[in-house]
PDB file of N, CA and C in Angstrom:
ATOM      1  N   UNK A   1     -27.758   2.871  19.117  1.00  0.00           N
ATOM      2  CA  UNK A   1     -26.986   1.710  19.528  1.00  0.00           C
ATOM      3  C   UNK A   1     -27.760   0.928  20.584  1.00  0.00           C
ATOM      4  N   UNK A   2     -27.586  -0.358  20.544  1.00  0.00           N
ATOM      5  CA  UNK A   2     -28.304  -1.263  21.422  1.00  0.00           C
ATOM      6  C   UNK A   2     -27.659  -1.275  22.816  1.00  0.00           C
ATOM      7  N   UNK A   3     -28.460  -1.070  23.853  1.00  0.00           N
ATOM      8  CA  UNK A   3     -27.939  -1.018  25.215  1.00  0.00           C
ATOM      9  C   UNK A   3     -27.309  -2.341  25.643  1.00  0.00           C
ATOM     10  N   UNK A   4     -27.863  -3.457  25.196  1.00  0.00           N
ATOM     11  CA  UNK A   4     -27.284  -4.759  25.553  1.00  0.00           C
ATOM     12  C   UNK A   4     -25.871  -4.913  24.995  1.00  0.00           C
ATOM     13  N   UNK A   5     -25.638  -4.392  23.798  1.00  0.00           N
ATOM     14  CA  UNK A   5     -24.293  -4.441  23.216  1.00  0.00           C
ATOM     15  C   UNK A   5     -23.366  -3.512  23.997  1.00  0.00           C
ATOM     16  N   UNK A   6     -23.866  -2.345  24.361  1.00  0.00           N
ATOM     17  CA  UNK A   6     -23.085  -1.423  25.193  1.00  0.00           C
ATOM     18  C   UNK A   6     -22.695  -2.102  26.502  1.00  0.00           C
ATOM     19  N   UNK A   7     -23.644  -2.777  27.136  1.00  0.00           N
ATOM     20  CA  UNK A   7     -23.381  -3.471  28.399  1.00  0.00           C
ATOM     21  C   UNK A   7     -22.385  -4.613  28.213  1.00  0.00           C
ATOM     22  N   UNK A   8     -22.503  -5.354  27.113  1.00  0.00           N
ATOM     23  CA  UNK A   8     -21.577  -6.454  26.829  1.00  0.00           C
ATOM     24  C   UNK A   8     -20.138  -5.934  26.777  1.00  0.00           C
ATOM     25  N   UNK A   9     -19.936  -4.860  26.024  1.00  0.00           N
ATOM     26  CA  UNK A   9     -18.586  -4.303  25.881  1.00  0.00           C
ATOM     27  C   UNK A   9     -18.101  -3.740  27.210  1.00  0.00           C
ATOM     28  N   UNK A  10     -18.988  -3.101  27.969  1.00  0.00           N
ATOM     29  CA  UNK A  10     -18.611  -2.520  29.261  1.00  0.00           C
ATOM     30  C   UNK A  10     -18.199  -3.581  30.277  1.00  0.00           C
ATOM     31  N   UNK A  11     -18.760  -4.791  30.183  1.00  0.00           N
ATOM     32  CA  UNK A  11     -18.451  -5.830  31.166  1.00  0.00           C
ATOM     33  C   UNK A  11     -17.201  -6.640  30.817  1.00  0.00           C
ATOM     34  N   UNK A  12     -16.599  -6.384  29.660  1.00  0.00           N
ATOM     35  CA  UNK A  12     -15.370  -7.103  29.305  1.00  0.00           C
ATOM     36  C   UNK A  12     -14.300  -6.742  30.328  1.00  0.00           C
ATOM     37  N   UNK A  13     -13.727  -7.757  30.954  1.00  0.00           N
ATOM     38  CA  UNK A  13     -12.824  -7.522  32.082  1.00  0.00           C
ATOM     39  C   UNK A  13     -11.449  -6.982  31.685  1.00  0.00           C
ATOM     40  N   UNK A  14     -10.875  -7.469  30.612  1.00  0.00           N
ATOM     41  CA  UNK A  14      -9.537  -7.028  30.217  1.00  0.00           C
ATOM     42  C   UNK A  14      -9.629  -5.721  29.432  1.00  0.00           C
ATOM     43  N   UNK A  15      -8.951  -4.671  29.907  1.00  0.00           N
ATOM     44  CA  UNK A  15      -9.066  -3.360  29.258  1.00  0.00           C
ATOM     45  C   UNK A  15      -8.717  -3.371  27.766  1.00  0.00           C
ATOM     46  N   UNK A  16      -7.700  -4.116  27.373  1.00  0.00           N
ATOM     47  CA  UNK A  16      -7.326  -4.129  25.958  1.00  0.00           C
ATOM     48  C   UNK A  16      -8.428  -4.756  25.105  1.00  0.00           C
ATOM     49  N   UNK A  17      -9.129  -5.759  25.649  1.00  0.00           N
ATOM     50  CA  UNK A  17     -10.231  -6.373  24.907  1.00  0.00           C
ATOM     51  C   UNK A  17     -11.416  -5.415  24.805  1.00  0.00           C
ATOM     52  N   UNK A  18     -11.702  -4.721  25.880  1.00  0.00           N
ATOM     53  CA  UNK A  18     -12.791  -3.747  25.881  1.00  0.00           C
ATOM     54  C   UNK A  18     -12.507  -2.625  24.886  1.00  0.00           C
ATOM     55  N   UNK A  19     -11.264  -2.184  24.840  1.00  0.00           N
ATOM     56  CA  UNK A  19     -10.870  -1.124  23.913  1.00  0.00           C
ATOM     57  C   UNK A  19     -11.052  -1.578  22.459  1.00  0.00           C
ATOM     58  N   UNK A  20     -10.598  -2.787  22.148  1.00  0.00           N
ATOM     59  CA  UNK A  20     -10.761  -3.314  20.796  1.00  0.00           C
ATOM     60  C   UNK A  20     -12.247  -3.482  20.470  1.00  0.00           C
ATOM     61  N   UNK A  21     -13.022  -4.014  21.408  1.00  0.00           N
ATOM     62  CA  UNK A  21     -14.457  -4.184  21.184  1.00  0.00           C
ATOM     63  C   UNK A  21     -15.153  -2.867  20.885  1.00  0.00           C
ATOM     64  N   UNK A  22     -14.820  -1.840  21.647  1.00  0.00           N
ATOM     65  CA  UNK A  22     -15.415  -0.514  21.424  1.00  0.00           C
ATOM     66  C   UNK A  22     -15.033   0.046  20.066  1.00  0.00           C
ATOM     67  N   UNK A  23     -13.764  -0.094  19.722  1.00  0.00           N
ATOM     68  CA  UNK A  23     -13.293   0.429  18.435  1.00  0.00           C
ATOM     69  C   UNK A  23     -13.917  -0.343  17.273  1.00  0.00           C
ATOM     70  N   UNK A  24     -14.022  -1.666  17.396  1.00  0.00           N
ATOM     71  CA  UNK A  24     -14.665  -2.453  16.342  1.00  0.00           C
ATOM     72  C   UNK A  24     -16.108  -2.006  16.142  1.00  0.00           C
ATOM     73  N   UNK A  25     -16.788  -1.741  17.235  1.00  0.00           N
ATOM     74  CA  UNK A  25     -18.179  -1.278  17.144  1.00  0.00           C
ATOM     75  C   UNK A  25     -18.252   0.034  16.372  1.00  0.00           C
ATOM     76  N   UNK A  26     -17.347   0.958  16.668  1.00  0.00           N
ATOM     77  CA  UNK A  26     -17.297   2.230  15.939  1.00  0.00           C
ATOM     78  C   UNK A  26     -17.054   1.995  14.453  1.00  0.00           C
ATOM     79  N   UNK A  27     -16.093   1.125  14.147  1.00  0.00           N
ATOM     80  CA  UNK A  27     -15.750   0.824  12.756  1.00  0.00           C
ATOM     81  C   UNK A  27     -16.958   0.245  12.021  1.00  0.00           C
ATOM     82  N   UNK A  28     -17.667  -0.659  12.680  1.00  0.00           N
ATOM     83  CA  UNK A  28     -18.855  -1.267  12.069  1.00  0.00           C
ATOM     84  C   UNK A  28     -19.889  -0.194  11.749  1.00  0.00           C
ATOM     85  N   UNK A  29     -20.141   0.707  12.685  1.00  0.00           N
ATOM     86  CA  UNK A  29     -21.142   1.754  12.465  1.00  0.00           C
ATOM     87  C   UNK A  29     -20.712   2.740  11.384  1.00  0.00           C
ATOM     88  N   UNK A  30     -19.417   2.985  11.271  1.00  0.00           N
ATOM     89  CA  UNK A  30     -18.932   3.869  10.211  1.00  0.00           C
ATOM     90  C   UNK A  30     -19.028   3.185   8.849  1.00  0.00           C
ATOM     91  N   UNK A  31     -18.715   1.892   8.804  1.00  0.00           N
ATOM     92  CA  UNK A  31     -18.724   1.150   7.542  1.00  0.00           C
ATOM     93  C   UNK A  31     -20.139   0.843   7.066  1.00  0.00           C
ATOM     94  N   UNK A  32     -21.043   0.620   8.020  1.00  0.00           N
ATOM     95  CA  UNK A  32     -22.430   0.254   7.701  1.00  0.00           C
ATOM     96  C   UNK A  32     -23.349   1.168   8.517  1.00  0.00           C
ATOM     97  N   UNK A  33     -23.591   2.391   8.045  1.00  0.00           N
ATOM     98  CA  UNK A  33     -24.357   3.357   8.843  1.00  0.00           C
ATOM     99  C   UNK A  33     -25.732   2.865   9.295  1.00  0.00           C
ATOM    100  N   UNK A  34     -26.371   2.013   8.509  1.00  0.00           N
ATOM    101  CA  UNK A  34     -27.718   1.543   8.847  1.00  0.00           C
ATOM    102  C   UNK A  34     -27.708   0.249   9.658  1.00  0.00           C
ATOM    103  N   UNK A  35     -26.569  -0.118  10.202  1.00  0.00           N
ATOM    104  CA  UNK A  35     -26.432  -1.387  10.923  1.00  0.00           C
ATOM    105  C   UNK A  35     -27.350  -1.441  12.147  1.00  0.00           C
ATOM    106  N   UNK A  36     -27.868  -2.632  12.400  1.00  0.00           N
ATOM    107  CA  UNK A  36     -28.649  -2.902  13.614  1.00  0.00           C
ATOM    108  C   UNK A  36     -27.812  -3.819  14.495  1.00  0.00           C
ATOM    109  N   UNK A  37     -28.004  -3.705  15.797  1.00  0.00           N
ATOM    110  CA  UNK A  37     -27.232  -4.507  16.749  1.00  0.00           C
ATOM    111  C   UNK A  37     -28.172  -5.341  17.603  1.00  0.00           C
ATOM    112  N   UNK A  38     -27.670  -6.501  18.016  1.00  0.00           N
ATOM    113  CA  UNK A  38     -28.396  -7.289  19.009  1.00  0.00           C
ATOM    114  C   UNK A  38     -27.447  -8.314  19.606  1.00  0.00           C
ATOM    115  N   UNK A  39     -27.792  -8.745  20.804  1.00  0.00           N
ATOM    116  CA  UNK A  39     -27.067  -9.849  21.426  1.00  0.00           C
ATOM    117  C   UNK A  39     -27.779 -11.129  21.016  1.00  0.00           C
ATOM    118  N   UNK A  40     -27.023 -12.041  20.453  1.00  0.00           N
ATOM    119  CA  UNK A  40     -27.551 -13.345  20.071  1.00  0.00           C
ATOM    120  C   UNK A  40     -26.475 -14.374  20.389  1.00  0.00           C
ATOM    121  N   UNK A  41     -26.886 -15.488  20.964  1.00  0.00           N
ATOM    122  CA  UNK A  41     -25.937 -16.520  21.401  1.00  0.00           C
ATOM    123  C   UNK A  41     -24.889 -15.939  22.355  1.00  0.00           C
ATOM    124  N   UNK A  42     -25.273 -14.904  23.104  1.00  0.00           N
ATOM    125  CA  UNK A  42     -24.397 -14.306  24.096  1.00  0.00           C
ATOM    126  C   UNK A  42     -23.329 -13.384  23.542  1.00  0.00           C
ATOM    127  N   UNK A  43     -23.418 -13.030  22.249  1.00  0.00           N
ATOM    128  CA  UNK A  43     -22.406 -12.183  21.609  1.00  0.00           C
ATOM    129  C   UNK A  43     -23.076 -11.075  20.799  1.00  0.00           C
ATOM    130  N   UNK A  44     -22.385  -9.937  20.648  1.00  0.00           N
ATOM    131  CA  UNK A  44     -22.925  -8.878  19.797  1.00  0.00           C
ATOM    132  C   UNK A  44     -22.898  -9.277  18.321  1.00  0.00           C
ATOM    133  N   UNK A  45     -24.058  -9.196  17.698  1.00  0.00           N
ATOM    134  CA  UNK A  45     -24.195  -9.427  16.266  1.00  0.00           C
ATOM    135  C   UNK A  45     -24.625  -8.107  15.625  1.00  0.00           C
ATOM    136  N   UNK A  46     -24.121  -7.874  14.431  1.00  0.00           N
ATOM    137  CA  UNK A  46     -24.405  -6.648  13.701  1.00  0.00           C
ATOM    138  C   UNK A  46     -25.041  -7.037  12.373  1.00  0.00           C
ATOM    139  N   UNK A  47     -26.198  -6.434  12.079  1.00  0.00           N
ATOM    140  CA  UNK A  47     -26.986  -6.842  10.919  1.00  0.00           C
ATOM    141  C   UNK A  47     -27.290  -5.667   9.997  1.00  0.00           C
ATOM    142  N   UNK A  48     -27.369  -5.984   8.711  1.00  0.00           N
ATOM    143  CA  UNK A  48     -27.817  -5.014   7.715  1.00  0.00           C
ATOM    144  C   UNK A  48     -28.994  -5.645   6.988  1.00  0.00           C
ATOM    145  N   UNK A  49     -30.103  -4.938   6.971  1.00  0.00           N
ATOM    146  CA  UNK A  49     -31.324  -5.450   6.335  1.00  0.00           C
ATOM    147  C   UNK A  49     -31.708  -6.828   6.872  1.00  0.00           C
ATOM    148  N   UNK A  50     -31.494  -7.029   8.169  1.00  0.00           N
ATOM    149  CA  UNK A  50     -31.868  -8.282   8.815  1.00  0.00           C
ATOM    150  C   UNK A  50     -30.910  -9.434   8.585  1.00  0.00           C
ATOM    151  N   UNK A  51     -29.806  -9.190   7.887  1.00  0.00           N
ATOM    152  CA  UNK A  51     -28.833 -10.246   7.599  1.00  0.00           C
ATOM    153  C   UNK A  51     -27.536  -9.965   8.342  1.00  0.00           C
ATOM    154  N   UNK A  52     -26.895 -11.039   8.798  1.00  0.00           N
ATOM    155  CA  UNK A  52     -25.652 -10.888   9.547  1.00  0.00           C
ATOM    156  C   UNK A  52     -24.579 -10.201   8.717  1.00  0.00           C
ATOM    157  N   UNK A  53     -23.929  -9.216   9.316  1.00  0.00           N
ATOM    158  CA  UNK A  53     -22.795  -8.538   8.692  1.00  0.00           C
ATOM    159  C   UNK A  53     -21.513  -8.832   9.465  1.00  0.00           C
ATOM    160  N   UNK A  54     -21.608  -8.877  10.810  1.00  0.00           N
ATOM    161  CA  UNK A  54     -20.416  -9.104  11.633  1.00  0.00           C
ATOM    162  C   UNK A  54     -20.822  -9.575  13.023  1.00  0.00           C
ATOM    163  N   UNK A  55     -19.859 -10.172  13.708  1.00  0.00           N
ATOM    164  CA  UNK A  55     -20.050 -10.587  15.101  1.00  0.00           C
ATOM    165  C   UNK A  55     -18.709 -10.452  15.810  1.00  0.00           C
ATOM    166  N   UNK A  56     -18.761 -10.077  17.078  1.00  0.00           N
ATOM    167  CA  UNK A  56     -17.532 -10.046  17.865  1.00  0.00           C
ATOM    168  C   UNK A  56     -17.756 -10.775  19.172  1.00  0.00           C
ATOM    169  N   UNK A  57     -16.663 -11.312  19.686  1.00  0.00           N
ATOM    170  CA  UNK A  57     -16.716 -11.989  20.984  1.00  0.00           C
ATOM    171  C   UNK A  57     -15.319 -11.979  21.582  1.00  0.00           C
ATOM    172  N   UNK A  58     -15.262 -12.261  22.866  1.00  0.00           N
ATOM    173  CA  UNK A  58     -13.964 -12.331  23.535  1.00  0.00           C
ATOM    174  C   UNK A  58     -13.731 -13.738  24.056  1.00  0.00           C
ATOM    175  N   UNK A  59     -12.467 -14.078  24.143  1.00  0.00           N
ATOM    176  CA  UNK A  59     -12.033 -15.334  24.739  1.00  0.00           C
ATOM    177  C   UNK A  59     -10.857 -14.993  25.645  1.00  0.00           C
ATOM    178  N   UNK A  60     -10.270 -15.993  26.234  1.00  0.00           N
ATOM    179  CA  UNK A  60      -9.230 -15.749  27.230  1.00  0.00           C
ATOM    180  C   UNK A  60      -8.083 -14.869  26.712  1.00  0.00           C
ATOM    181  N   UNK A  61      -7.625 -15.115  25.493  1.00  0.00           N
ATOM    182  CA  UNK A  61      -6.459 -14.382  25.012  1.00  0.00           C
ATOM    183  C   UNK A  61      -6.657 -13.586  23.743  1.00  0.00           C
ATOM    184  N   UNK A  62      -7.907 -13.399  23.310  1.00  0.00           N
ATOM    185  CA  UNK A  62      -8.123 -12.669  22.068  1.00  0.00           C
ATOM    186  C   UNK A  62      -9.537 -12.110  21.992  1.00  0.00           C
ATOM    187  N   UNK A  63      -9.725 -11.258  20.988  1.00  0.00           N
ATOM    188  CA  UNK A  63     -11.046 -10.801  20.570  1.00  0.00           C
ATOM    189  C   UNK A  63     -11.266 -11.407  19.190  1.00  0.00           C
ATOM    190  N   UNK A  64     -12.355 -12.108  19.033  1.00  0.00           N
ATOM    191  CA  UNK A  64     -12.691 -12.724  17.754  1.00  0.00           C
ATOM    192  C   UNK A  64     -13.638 -11.792  16.999  1.00  0.00           C
ATOM    193  N   UNK A  65     -13.333 -11.565  15.727  1.00  0.00           N
ATOM    194  CA  UNK A  65     -14.163 -10.701  14.894  1.00  0.00           C
ATOM    195  C   UNK A  65     -14.431 -11.406  13.579  1.00  0.00           C
ATOM    196  N   UNK A  66     -15.704 -11.598  13.265  1.00  0.00           N
ATOM    197  CA  UNK A  66     -16.094 -12.292  12.037  1.00  0.00           C
ATOM    198  C   UNK A  66     -16.879 -11.364  11.126  1.00  0.00           C
ATOM    199  N   UNK A  67     -16.590 -11.479   9.841  1.00  0.00           N
ATOM    200  CA  UNK A  67     -17.304 -10.747   8.800  1.00  0.00           C
ATOM    201  C   UNK A  67     -18.062 -11.773   7.969  1.00  0.00           C
ATOM    202  N   UNK A  68     -19.344 -11.544   7.780  1.00  0.00           N
ATOM    203  CA  UNK A  68     -20.189 -12.441   6.998  1.00  0.00           C
ATOM    204  C   UNK A  68     -20.270 -11.964   5.545  1.00  0.00           C
ATOM    205  N   UNK A  69     -20.777 -12.830   4.673  1.00  0.00           N
ATOM    206  CA  UNK A  69     -20.926 -12.530   3.251  1.00  0.00           C
ATOM    207  C   UNK A  69     -19.566 -12.197   2.634  1.00  0.00           C
ATOM    208  N   UNK A  70     -18.525 -12.898   3.081  1.00  0.00           N
ATOM    209  CA  UNK A  70     -17.150 -12.552   2.735  1.00  0.00           C
ATOM    210  C   UNK A  70     -16.483 -13.516   1.763  1.00  0.00           C
ATOM    211  N   UNK A  71     -17.229 -14.442   1.186  1.00  0.00           N
ATOM    212  CA  UNK A  71     -16.630 -15.477   0.338  1.00  0.00           C
ATOM    213  C   UNK A  71     -15.840 -14.903  -0.833  1.00  0.00           C
ATOM    214  N   UNK A  72     -16.285 -13.799  -1.400  1.00  0.00           N
ATOM    215  CA  UNK A  72     -15.638 -13.245  -2.588  1.00  0.00           C
ATOM    216  C   UNK A  72     -14.571 -12.195  -2.270  1.00  0.00           C
ATOM    217  N   UNK A  73     -14.336 -11.920  -1.000  1.00  0.00           N
ATOM    218  CA  UNK A  73     -13.373 -10.880  -0.644  1.00  0.00           C
ATOM    219  C   UNK A  73     -11.938 -11.349  -0.837  1.00  0.00           C
ATOM    220  N   UNK A  74     -11.095 -10.420  -1.269  1.00  0.00           N
ATOM    221  CA  UNK A  74      -9.662 -10.686  -1.324  1.00  0.00           C
ATOM    222  C   UNK A  74      -9.067 -10.134  -0.035  1.00  0.00           C
ATOM    223  N   UNK A  75      -8.446 -11.027   0.728  1.00  0.00           N
ATOM    224  CA  UNK A  75      -7.911 -10.624   2.033  1.00  0.00           C
ATOM    225  C   UNK A  75      -6.428 -10.966   2.107  1.00  0.00           C
ATOM    226  N   UNK A  76      -5.683 -10.192   2.892  1.00  0.00           N
ATOM    227  CA  UNK A  76      -4.263 -10.486   3.064  1.00  0.00           C
ATOM    228  C   UNK A  76      -4.062 -11.875   3.670  1.00  0.00           C
ATOM    229  N   UNK A  77      -3.098 -12.574   3.167  1.00  0.00           N
ATOM    230  CA  UNK A  77      -2.821 -13.927   3.644  1.00  0.00           C
ATOM    231  C   UNK A  77      -2.371 -13.910   5.105  1.00  0.00           C
ATOM    232  N   UNK A  78      -2.883 -14.857   5.865  1.00  0.00           N
ATOM    233  CA  UNK A  78      -2.451 -15.033   7.242  1.00  0.00           C
ATOM    234  C   UNK A  78      -3.173 -14.199   8.279  1.00  0.00           C
ATOM    235  N   UNK A  79      -4.045 -13.294   7.862  1.00  0.00           N
ATOM    236  CA  UNK A  79      -4.728 -12.440   8.834  1.00  0.00           C
ATOM    237  C   UNK A  79      -6.106 -12.951   9.229  1.00  0.00           C
ATOM    238  N   UNK A  80      -6.663 -13.841   8.425  1.00  0.00           N
ATOM    239  CA  UNK A  80      -8.010 -14.336   8.683  1.00  0.00           C
ATOM    240  C   UNK A  80      -8.042 -15.848   8.590  1.00  0.00           C
ATOM    241  N   UNK A  81      -8.961 -16.423   9.349  1.00  0.00           N
ATOM    242  CA  UNK A  81      -9.237 -17.850   9.251  1.00  0.00           C
ATOM    243  C   UNK A  81     -10.506 -17.991   8.423  1.00  0.00           C
ATOM    244  N   UNK A  82     -10.524 -18.970   7.557  1.00  0.00           N
ATOM    245  CA  UNK A  82     -11.755 -19.228   6.816  1.00  0.00           C
ATOM    246  C   UNK A  82     -12.767 -19.799   7.795  1.00  0.00           C
ATOM    247  N   UNK A  83     -13.918 -19.192   7.846  1.00  0.00           N
ATOM    248  CA  UNK A  83     -14.969 -19.681   8.725  1.00  0.00           C
ATOM    249  C   UNK A  83     -15.894 -20.605   7.968  1.00  0.00           C
ATOM    250  N   UNK A  84     -16.920 -21.036   8.623  1.00  0.00           N
ATOM    251  CA  UNK A  84     -17.898 -21.884   7.949  1.00  0.00           C
ATOM    252  C   UNK A  84     -18.722 -21.031   6.993  1.00  0.00           C
ATOM    253  N   UNK A  85     -18.986 -21.571   5.836  1.00  0.00           N
ATOM    254  CA  UNK A  85     -19.792 -20.852   4.857  1.00  0.00           C
ATOM    255  C   UNK A  85     -19.059 -19.654   4.299  1.00  0.00           C
ATOM    256  N   UNK A  86     -19.672 -18.501   4.414  1.00  0.00           N
ATOM    257  CA  UNK A  86     -19.130 -17.283   3.799  1.00  0.00           C
ATOM    258  C   UNK A  86     -18.512 -16.337   4.827  1.00  0.00           C
ATOM    259  N   UNK A  87     -17.980 -16.874   5.884  1.00  0.00           N
ATOM    260  CA  UNK A  87     -17.494 -16.071   7.007  1.00  0.00           C
ATOM    261  C   UNK A  87     -15.966 -16.046   7.059  1.00  0.00           C
ATOM    262  N   UNK A  88     -15.410 -14.876   7.380  1.00  0.00           N
ATOM    263  CA  UNK A  88     -13.985 -14.734   7.669  1.00  0.00           C
ATOM    264  C   UNK A  88     -13.855 -14.320   9.124  1.00  0.00           C
ATOM    265  N   UNK A  89     -12.887 -14.898   9.815  1.00  0.00           N
ATOM    266  CA  UNK A  89     -12.692 -14.584  11.228  1.00  0.00           C
ATOM    267  C   UNK A  89     -11.236 -14.240  11.483  1.00  0.00           C
ATOM    268  N   UNK A  90     -11.023 -13.223  12.304  1.00  0.00           N
ATOM    269  CA  UNK A  90      -9.684 -12.878  12.749  1.00  0.00           C
ATOM    270  C   UNK A  90      -9.668 -12.867  14.274  1.00  0.00           C
ATOM    271  N   UNK A  91      -8.558 -13.281  14.837  1.00  0.00           N
ATOM    272  CA  UNK A  91      -8.375 -13.244  16.289  1.00  0.00           C
ATOM    273  C   UNK A  91      -7.383 -12.136  16.601  1.00  0.00           C
ATOM    274  N   UNK A  92      -7.857 -11.139  17.313  1.00  0.00           N
ATOM    275  CA  UNK A  92      -7.062  -9.970  17.659  1.00  0.00           C
ATOM    276  C   UNK A  92      -6.512 -10.156  19.062  1.00  0.00           C
ATOM    277  N   UNK A  93      -5.200  -9.995  19.199  1.00  0.00           N
ATOM    278  CA  UNK A  93      -4.547 -10.270  20.473  1.00  0.00           C
ATOM    279  C   UNK A  93      -3.887  -9.020  21.050  1.00  0.00           C
ATOM    280  N   UNK A  94      -3.607  -9.087  22.330  1.00  0.00           N
ATOM    281  CA  UNK A  94      -3.003  -7.961  23.041  1.00  0.00           C
ATOM    282  C   UNK A  94      -1.643  -7.622  22.447  1.00  0.00           C
ATOM    283  N   UNK A  95      -1.413  -6.333  22.243  1.00  0.00           N
ATOM    284  CA  UNK A  95      -0.125  -5.863  21.766  1.00  0.00           C
ATOM    285  C   UNK A  95       0.060  -5.927  20.259  1.00  0.00           C
ATOM    286  N   UNK A  96      -0.846  -6.580  19.553  1.00  0.00           N
ATOM    287  CA  UNK A  96      -0.756  -6.676  18.095  1.00  0.00           C
ATOM    288  C   UNK A  96      -1.603  -5.560  17.487  1.00  0.00           C
ATOM    289  N   UNK A  97      -1.008  -4.808  16.564  1.00  0.00           N
ATOM    290  CA  UNK A  97      -1.729  -3.703  15.930  1.00  0.00           C
ATOM    291  C   UNK A  97      -2.936  -4.232  15.157  1.00  0.00           C
ATOM    292  N   UNK A  98      -4.036  -3.526  15.270  1.00  0.00           N
ATOM    293  CA  UNK A  98      -5.258  -3.888  14.556  1.00  0.00           C
ATOM    294  C   UNK A  98      -5.409  -2.933  13.373  1.00  0.00           C
ATOM    295  N   UNK A  99      -5.578  -3.483  12.184  1.00  0.00           N
ATOM    296  CA  UNK A  99      -5.760  -2.672  10.980  1.00  0.00           C
ATOM    297  C   UNK A  99      -7.256  -2.372  10.815  1.00  0.00           C
ATOM    298  N   UNK A 100      -7.714  -1.370  11.546  1.00  0.00           N
ATOM    299  CA  UNK A 100      -9.136  -1.020  11.512  1.00  0.00           C
ATOM    300  C   UNK A 100      -9.566  -0.529  10.130  1.00  0.00           C
ATOM    301  N   UNK A 101      -8.660   0.109   9.409  1.00  0.00           N
ATOM    302  CA  UNK A 101      -8.979   0.578   8.060  1.00  0.00           C
ATOM    303  C   UNK A 101      -9.271  -0.604   7.134  1.00  0.00           C
ATOM    304  N   UNK A 102      -8.455  -1.648   7.214  1.00  0.00           N
ATOM    305  CA  UNK A 102      -8.695  -2.855   6.421  1.00  0.00           C
ATOM    306  C   UNK A 102     -10.032  -3.485   6.799  1.00  0.00           C
ATOM    307  N   UNK A 103     -10.293  -3.599   8.092  1.00  0.00           N
ATOM    308  CA  UNK A 103     -11.552  -4.194   8.538  1.00  0.00           C
ATOM    309  C   UNK A 103     -12.746  -3.388   8.038  1.00  0.00           C
ATOM    310  N   UNK A 104     -12.637  -2.074   8.064  1.00  0.00           N
ATOM    311  CA  UNK A 104     -13.710  -1.218   7.568  1.00  0.00           C
ATOM    312  C   UNK A 104     -13.938  -1.442   6.074  1.00  0.00           C
ATOM    313  N   UNK A 105     -12.867  -1.498   5.316  1.00  0.00           N
ATOM    314  CA  UNK A 105     -12.972  -1.730   3.872  1.00  0.00           C
ATOM    315  C   UNK A 105     -13.638  -3.067   3.585  1.00  0.00           C
ATOM    316  N   UNK A 106     -13.215  -4.110   4.284  1.00  0.00           N
ATOM    317  CA  UNK A 106     -13.792  -5.437   4.082  1.00  0.00           C
ATOM    318  C   UNK A 106     -15.268  -5.470   4.470  1.00  0.00           C
ATOM    319  N   UNK A 107     -15.609  -4.797   5.568  1.00  0.00           N
ATOM    320  CA  UNK A 107     -17.018  -4.728   5.983  1.00  0.00           C
ATOM    321  C   UNK A 107     -17.877  -4.038   4.927  1.00  0.00           C
ATOM    322  N   UNK A 108     -17.380  -2.935   4.388  1.00  0.00           N
ATOM    323  CA  UNK A 108     -18.125  -2.220   3.350  1.00  0.00           C
ATOM    324  C   UNK A 108     -18.344  -3.114   2.141  1.00  0.00           C
ATOM    325  N   UNK A 109     -17.289  -3.806   1.720  1.00  0.00           N
ATOM    326  CA  UNK A 109     -17.394  -4.680   0.550  1.00  0.00           C
ATOM    327  C   UNK A 109     -18.353  -5.837   0.817  1.00  0.00           C
ATOM    328  N   UNK A 110     -18.193  -6.479   1.965  1.00  0.00           N
ATOM    329  CA  UNK A 110     -19.008  -7.656   2.277  1.00  0.00           C
ATOM    330  C   UNK A 110     -20.481  -7.303   2.460  1.00  0.00           C
ATOM    331  N   UNK A 111     -20.754  -6.142   3.027  1.00  0.00           N
ATOM    332  CA  UNK A 111     -22.144  -5.780   3.323  1.00  0.00           C
ATOM    333  C   UNK A 111     -22.838  -5.068   2.166  1.00  0.00           C
ATOM    334  N   UNK A 112     -22.111  -4.747   1.125  1.00  0.00           N
ATOM    335  CA  UNK A 112     -22.698  -3.999   0.005  1.00  0.00           C
ATOM    336  C   UNK A 112     -23.893  -4.725  -0.607  1.00  0.00           C
ATOM    337  N   UNK A 113     -23.833  -6.052  -0.648  1.00  0.00           N
ATOM    338  CA  UNK A 113     -24.905  -6.828  -1.280  1.00  0.00           C
ATOM    339  C   UNK A 113     -26.021  -7.222  -0.314  1.00  0.00           C
ATOM    340  N   UNK A 114     -25.877  -6.868   0.950  1.00  0.00           N
ATOM    341  CA  UNK A 114     -26.904  -7.253   1.930  1.00  0.00           C
ATOM    342  C   UNK A 114     -28.105  -6.318   1.863  1.00  0.00           C
TER     343      UNK A 114
END
């Protein structure tokens, strides 16, 4: 694991955001065992074979999580925002249950072709 990504998650001020960030990182590594990590544009990016697989970031009231190569994925209505190109993004908020199993499944599907 990349130390800069570890430091990014450790410096998140709100405990619930840090907890979600840590868990998302675990989910990414479980879904994509060969994933590489790096900080780019000030956010943790996760890559498979040099191509973007996912990115996470925090904002004032949520944790943003994007899955790349997701254009062909079937996703539950209302849980994701269509991003630019082939990206799906979800905003995870305090007190709302996070379906990590769904995110893992989507990551596996999206990254299979990378």
